């Protein structure tokens, strides 16, 4: 494969990230998560189907490791009892590029049936979709063209979803004043655990 083609693909992905619309919905999403998780003591529940589900799962683990308790709920398993993980004061983060994913739309109805007032943060490439309409806060990816040779496989779209998740994580960390000490309490092993503990000691000795 030629370097020029690789460079072109990298530039397309980078352009998609740089083109994510920066709107007030980011702040609204952070406010919602902060209010329900950190003030009302609920939790963040992420969900998505397929590739979006894998990203939602990763977001849940990243949020949890940085001070915002979060779990992943598989939309199909939710229909077979796992919906019971939803409790009072929880907030949901749903991901669907099309905004039309059947299992996610069904999950919205099921969640409302159990907790009528539950708020939804939505990440989607279709701001005119039914899922976007159900959102309390809706973050638009910009709906970039997939770099997939067929224009089908989730590639660029999943890149933007992942980056949006990273932005929300970092904004929440800053909102709650998450420290190296807090990080170390949640990472007891591995390189990151050791690094955070050393950084926490340095902060304490300043």
C-alpha atoms as a PDB file:
ATOM      1  CA  UNK A   1       0.000   0.000   0.000  1.00  0.00           C
ATOM      2  CA  UNK A   2       1.360   3.413  -0.961  1.00  0.00           C
ATOM      3  CA  UNK A   3       2.211   6.023   1.654  1.00  0.00           C
ATOM      4  CA  UNK A   4       0.066   8.566  -0.180  1.00  0.00           C
ATOM      5  CA  UNK A   5      -3.044   6.421   0.248  1.00  0.00           C
ATOM      6  CA  UNK A   6      -2.346   5.880   3.946  1.00  0.00           C
ATOM      7  CA  UNK A   7      -1.801   9.610   4.416  1.00  0.00           C
ATOM      8  CA  UNK A   8      -5.074  10.326   2.644  1.00  0.00           C
ATOM      9  CA  UNK A   9      -6.983   7.985   4.962  1.00  0.00           C
ATOM     10  CA  UNK A  10      -5.391   9.517   8.036  1.00  0.00           C
ATOM     11  CA  UNK A  11      -6.256  13.002   6.830  1.00  0.00           C
ATOM     12  CA  UNK A  12      -9.868  12.000   6.199  1.00  0.00           C
ATOM     13  CA  UNK A  13     -10.205  10.676   9.740  1.00  0.00           C
ATOM     14  CA  UNK A  14      -8.506  13.744  11.218  1.00  0.00           C
ATOM     15  CA  UNK A  15     -10.738  16.078   9.191  1.00  0.00           C
ATOM     16  CA  UNK A  16     -13.838  14.280  10.456  1.00  0.00           C
ATOM     17  CA  UNK A  17     -12.731  14.778  14.057  1.00  0.00           C
ATOM     18  CA  UNK A  18     -11.896  18.431  13.480  1.00  0.00           C
ATOM     19  CA  UNK A  19     -15.316  18.933  11.858  1.00  0.00           C
ATOM     20  CA  UNK A  20     -17.380  17.661  14.815  1.00  0.00           C
ATOM     21  CA  UNK A  21     -19.827  20.507  15.526  1.00  0.00           C
ATOM     22  CA  UNK A  22     -19.015  22.139  18.860  1.00  0.00           C
ATOM     23  CA  UNK A  23     -22.405  23.080  20.274  1.00  0.00           C
ATOM     24  CA  UNK A  24     -24.057  23.776  23.612  1.00  0.00           C
ATOM     25  CA  UNK A  25     -25.193  20.146  23.633  1.00  0.00           C
ATOM     26  CA  UNK A  26     -21.766  19.127  24.980  1.00  0.00           C
ATOM     27  CA  UNK A  27     -22.261  21.333  28.014  1.00  0.00           C
ATOM     28  CA  UNK A  28     -25.828  20.156  28.406  1.00  0.00           C
ATOM     29  CA  UNK A  29     -24.670  16.530  28.387  1.00  0.00           C
ATOM     30  CA  UNK A  30     -21.984  17.201  30.993  1.00  0.00           C
ATOM     31  CA  UNK A  31     -24.486  19.057  33.176  1.00  0.00           C
ATOM     32  CA  UNK A  32     -26.934  16.141  32.978  1.00  0.00           C
ATOM     33  CA  UNK A  33     -24.373  13.490  33.842  1.00  0.00           C
ATOM     34  CA  UNK A  34     -22.964  15.597  36.658  1.00  0.00           C
ATOM     35  CA  UNK A  35     -26.394  16.307  38.106  1.00  0.00           C
ATOM     36  CA  UNK A  36     -27.677  12.742  38.026  1.00  0.00           C
ATOM     37  CA  UNK A  37     -24.481  10.850  38.882  1.00  0.00           C
ATOM     38  CA  UNK A  38     -22.605  13.218  41.188  1.00  0.00           C
ATOM     39  CA  UNK A  39     -25.432  15.167  42.803  1.00  0.00           C
ATOM     40  CA  UNK A  40     -28.356  12.731  42.777  1.00  0.00           C
ATOM     41  CA  UNK A  41     -26.043   9.713  43.236  1.00  0.00           C
ATOM     42  CA  UNK A  42     -27.344   7.739  40.268  1.00  0.00           C
ATOM     43  CA  UNK A  43     -25.119   6.234  37.582  1.00  0.00           C
ATOM     44  CA  UNK A  44     -24.435   6.593  33.888  1.00  0.00           C
ATOM     45  CA  UNK A  45     -25.734   3.762  31.700  1.00  0.00           C
ATOM     46  CA  UNK A  46     -24.265   3.567  28.196  1.00  0.00           C
ATOM     47  CA  UNK A  47     -25.663   1.549  25.321  1.00  0.00           C
ATOM     48  CA  UNK A  48     -25.262   0.934  21.618  1.00  0.00           C
ATOM     49  CA  UNK A  49     -25.568  -1.900  19.131  1.00  0.00           C
ATOM     50  CA  UNK A  50     -22.751  -3.454  17.111  1.00  0.00           C
ATOM     51  CA  UNK A  51     -19.671  -1.245  16.695  1.00  0.00           C
ATOM     52  CA  UNK A  52     -21.453   1.592  18.520  1.00  0.00           C
ATOM     53  CA  UNK A  53     -22.040  -0.807  21.392  1.00  0.00           C
ATOM     54  CA  UNK A  54     -18.346  -1.562  21.648  1.00  0.00           C
ATOM     55  CA  UNK A  55     -17.663   2.153  21.874  1.00  0.00           C
ATOM     56  CA  UNK A  56     -20.400   2.565  24.493  1.00  0.00           C
ATOM     57  CA  UNK A  57     -18.828  -0.239  26.527  1.00  0.00           C
ATOM     58  CA  UNK A  58     -15.436   1.442  26.350  1.00  0.00           C
ATOM     59  CA  UNK A  59     -16.979   4.753  27.422  1.00  0.00           C
ATOM     60  CA  UNK A  60     -18.549   3.095  30.463  1.00  0.00           C
ATOM     61  CA  UNK A  61     -15.221   1.705  31.646  1.00  0.00           C
ATOM     62  CA  UNK A  62     -13.437   5.011  31.021  1.00  0.00           C
ATOM     63  CA  UNK A  63     -16.069   7.025  32.866  1.00  0.00           C
ATOM     64  CA  UNK A  64     -15.929   4.617  35.811  1.00  0.00           C
ATOM     65  CA  UNK A  65     -12.142   4.761  36.004  1.00  0.00           C
ATOM     66  CA  UNK A  66     -12.219   8.554  36.082  1.00  0.00           C
ATOM     67  CA  UNK A  67     -14.745   9.060  38.851  1.00  0.00           C
ATOM     68  CA  UNK A  68     -18.137   8.813  37.145  1.00  0.00           C
ATOM     69  CA  UNK A  69     -19.763   5.434  37.974  1.00  0.00           C
ATOM     70  CA  UNK A  70     -20.999   3.889  34.743  1.00  0.00           C
ATOM     71  CA  UNK A  71     -22.154   0.548  33.345  1.00  0.00           C
ATOM     72  CA  UNK A  72     -22.817  -0.764  29.839  1.00  0.00           C
ATOM     73  CA  UNK A  73     -26.251  -2.165  29.070  1.00  0.00           C
ATOM     74  CA  UNK A  74     -26.580  -4.326  25.966  1.00  0.00           C
ATOM     75  CA  UNK A  75     -29.810  -3.274  24.228  1.00  0.00           C
ATOM     76  CA  UNK A  76     -30.812  -6.840  23.363  1.00  0.00           C
ATOM     77  CA  UNK A  77     -30.047  -8.247  26.797  1.00  0.00           C
ATOM     78  CA  UNK A  78     -32.089  -5.393  28.258  1.00  0.00           C
ATOM     79  CA  UNK A  79     -35.158  -7.070  26.777  1.00  0.00           C
ATOM     80  CA  UNK A  80     -34.375 -10.225  28.718  1.00  0.00           C
ATOM     81  CA  UNK A  81     -34.085  -8.850  32.233  1.00  0.00           C
ATOM     82  CA  UNK A  82     -30.959  -6.689  32.221  1.00  0.00           C
ATOM     83  CA  UNK A  83     -33.183  -3.613  32.058  1.00  0.00           C
ATOM     84  CA  UNK A  84     -33.410  -4.044  35.821  1.00  0.00           C
ATOM     85  CA  UNK A  85     -30.011  -2.363  36.159  1.00  0.00           C
ATOM     86  CA  UNK A  86     -31.767   0.975  35.657  1.00  0.00           C
ATOM     87  CA  UNK A  87     -32.445   2.691  38.980  1.00  0.00           C
ATOM     88  CA  UNK A  88     -33.804   6.019  40.161  1.00  0.00           C
ATOM     89  CA  UNK A  89     -31.616   8.998  39.220  1.00  0.00           C
ATOM     90  CA  UNK A  90     -29.736   7.134  36.491  1.00  0.00           C
ATOM     91  CA  UNK A  91     -28.971   8.829  33.161  1.00  0.00           C
ATOM     92  CA  UNK A  92     -28.466   7.013  29.846  1.00  0.00           C
ATOM     93  CA  UNK A  93     -25.959   7.670  27.077  1.00  0.00           C
ATOM     94  CA  UNK A  94     -27.094   6.094  23.791  1.00  0.00           C
ATOM     95  CA  UNK A  95     -25.017   5.822  20.616  1.00  0.00           C
ATOM     96  CA  UNK A  96     -26.335   5.217  17.098  1.00  0.00           C
ATOM     97  CA  UNK A  97     -24.911   6.665  13.900  1.00  0.00           C
ATOM     98  CA  UNK A  98     -28.182   6.360  11.996  1.00  0.00           C
ATOM     99  CA  UNK A  99     -30.370   7.209  14.962  1.00  0.00           C
ATOM    100  CA  UNK A 100     -32.635   4.458  13.659  1.00  0.00           C
ATOM    101  CA  UNK A 101     -31.165   1.379  15.330  1.00  0.00           C
ATOM    102  CA  UNK A 102     -34.191  -0.737  16.231  1.00  0.00           C
ATOM    103  CA  UNK A 103     -32.782  -2.163  19.441  1.00  0.00           C
ATOM    104  CA  UNK A 104     -31.815   1.296  20.727  1.00  0.00           C
ATOM    105  CA  UNK A 105     -35.197   2.825  19.933  1.00  0.00           C
ATOM    106  CA  UNK A 106     -36.840  -0.105  21.715  1.00  0.00           C
ATOM    107  CA  UNK A 107     -34.510   0.447  24.666  1.00  0.00           C
ATOM    108  CA  UNK A 108     -35.682   4.063  24.917  1.00  0.00           C
ATOM    109  CA  UNK A 109     -39.294   2.882  25.221  1.00  0.00           C
ATOM    110  CA  UNK A 110     -38.400   0.154  27.701  1.00  0.00           C
ATOM    111  CA  UNK A 111     -36.356   2.513  29.868  1.00  0.00           C
ATOM    112  CA  UNK A 112     -39.164   5.077  29.905  1.00  0.00           C
ATOM    113  CA  UNK A 113     -41.588   2.320  30.868  1.00  0.00           C
ATOM    114  CA  UNK A 114     -39.469   1.521  33.903  1.00  0.00           C
ATOM    115  CA  UNK A 115     -38.294   5.058  34.726  1.00  0.00           C
ATOM    116  CA  UNK A 116     -40.552   7.587  32.955  1.00  0.00           C
ATOM    117  CA  UNK A 117     -38.356  10.582  33.808  1.00  0.00           C
ATOM    118  CA  UNK A 118     -34.986   9.104  32.839  1.00  0.00           C
ATOM    119  CA  UNK A 119     -32.912  11.535  30.727  1.00  0.00           C
ATOM    120  CA  UNK A 120     -31.011  10.530  27.583  1.00  0.00           C
ATOM    121  CA  UNK A 121     -27.726  11.799  26.200  1.00  0.00           C
ATOM    122  CA  UNK A 122     -27.507  10.788  22.534  1.00  0.00           C
ATOM    123  CA  UNK A 123     -24.516  10.656  20.197  1.00  0.00           C
ATOM    124  CA  UNK A 124     -25.627  10.289  16.576  1.00  0.00           C
ATOM    125  CA  UNK A 125     -24.882  11.139  12.973  1.00  0.00           C
ATOM    126  CA  UNK A 126     -28.550  11.863  12.302  1.00  0.00           C
ATOM    127  CA  UNK A 127     -29.858  14.834  14.265  1.00  0.00           C
ATOM    128  CA  UNK A 128     -33.293  14.504  12.613  1.00  0.00           C
ATOM    129  CA  UNK A 129     -33.817  10.910  13.763  1.00  0.00           C
ATOM    130  CA  UNK A 130     -36.320   9.468  16.220  1.00  0.00           C
ATOM    131  CA  UNK A 131     -33.466   8.838  18.639  1.00  0.00           C
ATOM    132  CA  UNK A 132     -32.383  12.475  18.463  1.00  0.00           C
ATOM    133  CA  UNK A 133     -35.954  13.536  19.176  1.00  0.00           C
ATOM    134  CA  UNK A 134     -35.940  11.421  22.356  1.00  0.00           C
ATOM    135  CA  UNK A 135     -32.726  13.034  23.595  1.00  0.00           C
ATOM    136  CA  UNK A 136     -32.438  15.421  26.487  1.00  0.00           C
ATOM    137  CA  UNK A 137     -29.019  16.341  25.069  1.00  0.00           C
ATOM    138  CA  UNK A 138     -28.038  15.358  21.523  1.00  0.00           C
ATOM    139  CA  UNK A 139     -24.448  15.521  20.291  1.00  0.00           C
ATOM    140  CA  UNK A 140     -24.094  15.419  16.499  1.00  0.00           C
ATOM    141  CA  UNK A 141     -21.031  13.701  15.045  1.00  0.00           C
ATOM    142  CA  UNK A 142     -21.184  15.700  11.830  1.00  0.00           C
ATOM    143  CA  UNK A 143     -22.123  12.523   9.951  1.00  0.00           C
ATOM    144  CA  UNK A 144     -18.772  12.122   8.172  1.00  0.00           C
ATOM    145  CA  UNK A 145     -18.387   9.869   5.149  1.00  0.00           C
ATOM    146  CA  UNK A 146     -16.936   6.476   6.065  1.00  0.00           C
ATOM    147  CA  UNK A 147     -13.383   5.940   4.806  1.00  0.00           C
ATOM    148  CA  UNK A 148     -14.307   2.290   4.214  1.00  0.00           C
ATOM    149  CA  UNK A 149     -13.654   1.358   0.579  1.00  0.00           C
ATOM    150  CA  UNK A 150     -17.347   0.525   0.253  1.00  0.00           C
ATOM    151  CA  UNK A 151     -18.534   3.519   2.256  1.00  0.00           C
ATOM    152  CA  UNK A 152     -20.380   1.131   4.556  1.00  0.00           C
ATOM    153  CA  UNK A 153     -18.233  -0.198   7.394  1.00  0.00           C
ATOM    154  CA  UNK A 154     -18.318   2.000  10.521  1.00  0.00           C
ATOM    155  CA  UNK A 155     -14.903   3.642  10.413  1.00  0.00           C
ATOM    156  CA  UNK A 156     -14.895   7.439  10.400  1.00  0.00           C
ATOM    157  CA  UNK A 157     -18.234   7.528  12.212  1.00  0.00           C
ATOM    158  CA  UNK A 158     -16.922   5.398  15.057  1.00  0.00           C
ATOM    159  CA  UNK A 159     -13.814   7.571  15.263  1.00  0.00           C
ATOM    160  CA  UNK A 160     -15.956  10.666  15.876  1.00  0.00           C
ATOM    161  CA  UNK A 161     -18.099   8.809  18.420  1.00  0.00           C
ATOM    162  CA  UNK A 162     -15.012   7.747  20.338  1.00  0.00           C
ATOM    163  CA  UNK A 163     -13.578  11.257  20.364  1.00  0.00           C
ATOM    164  CA  UNK A 164     -16.885  12.729  21.580  1.00  0.00           C
ATOM    165  CA  UNK A 165     -16.819  10.213  24.421  1.00  0.00           C
ATOM    166  CA  UNK A 166     -13.273  11.265  25.298  1.00  0.00           C
ATOM    167  CA  UNK A 167     -14.326  14.916  25.369  1.00  0.00           C
ATOM    168  CA  UNK A 168     -17.206  14.161  27.746  1.00  0.00           C
ATOM    169  CA  UNK A 169     -14.927  12.137  30.024  1.00  0.00           C
ATOM    170  CA  UNK A 170     -12.339  14.900  30.264  1.00  0.00           C
ATOM    171  CA  UNK A 171     -14.960  17.602  30.856  1.00  0.00           C
ATOM    172  CA  UNK A 172     -16.491  15.508  33.671  1.00  0.00           C
ATOM    173  CA  UNK A 173     -13.070  14.930  35.234  1.00  0.00           C
ATOM    174  CA  UNK A 174     -12.504  18.678  35.333  1.00  0.00           C
ATOM    175  CA  UNK A 175     -16.017  19.360  36.630  1.00  0.00           C
ATOM    176  CA  UNK A 176     -15.572  17.036  39.621  1.00  0.00           C
ATOM    177  CA  UNK A 177     -11.934  17.979  40.271  1.00  0.00           C
ATOM    178  CA  UNK A 178     -10.659  14.432  39.704  1.00  0.00           C
ATOM    179  CA  UNK A 179      -7.081  14.091  41.004  1.00  0.00           C
ATOM    180  CA  UNK A 180      -4.141  11.728  40.680  1.00  0.00           C
ATOM    181  CA  UNK A 181      -5.017  10.457  44.152  1.00  0.00           C
ATOM    182  CA  UNK A 182      -8.568   9.694  43.004  1.00  0.00           C
ATOM    183  CA  UNK A 183      -7.179   7.932  39.932  1.00  0.00           C
ATOM    184  CA  UNK A 184      -4.769   5.868  42.020  1.00  0.00           C
ATOM    185  CA  UNK A 185      -7.619   4.668  44.271  1.00  0.00           C
ATOM    186  CA  UNK A 186      -9.266   3.125  41.202  1.00  0.00           C
ATOM    187  CA  UNK A 187      -6.098   1.724  39.577  1.00  0.00           C
ATOM    188  CA  UNK A 188      -4.277  -0.579  41.963  1.00  0.00           C
ATOM    189  CA  UNK A 189      -2.233  -2.448  39.396  1.00  0.00           C
ATOM    190  CA  UNK A 190      -0.234  -1.896  36.251  1.00  0.00           C
ATOM    191  CA  UNK A 191       1.728   0.992  34.855  1.00  0.00           C
ATOM    192  CA  UNK A 192      -1.078   3.563  35.165  1.00  0.00           C
ATOM    193  CA  UNK A 193      -1.659   2.682  38.798  1.00  0.00           C
ATOM    194  CA  UNK A 194       2.009   3.138  39.616  1.00  0.00           C
ATOM    195  CA  UNK A 195       2.236   6.364  37.640  1.00  0.00           C
ATOM    196  CA  UNK A 196      -0.837   7.887  39.286  1.00  0.00           C
ATOM    197  CA  UNK A 197       0.380   6.992  42.782  1.00  0.00           C
ATOM    198  CA  UNK A 198       3.724   8.662  42.147  1.00  0.00           C
ATOM    199  CA  UNK A 199       1.965  11.741  40.731  1.00  0.00           C
ATOM    200  CA  UNK A 200      -0.340  11.835  43.770  1.00  0.00           C
ATOM    201  CA  UNK A 201       2.663  11.871  46.100  1.00  0.00           C
ATOM    202  CA  UNK A 202       4.213  14.745  44.159  1.00  0.00           C
ATOM    203  CA  UNK A 203       0.953  16.706  44.346  1.00  0.00           C
ATOM    204  CA  UNK A 204       0.725  16.133  48.097  1.00  0.00           C
ATOM    205  CA  UNK A 205       4.288  17.333  48.672  1.00  0.00           C
ATOM    206  CA  UNK A 206       3.889  20.558  46.721  1.00  0.00           C
END
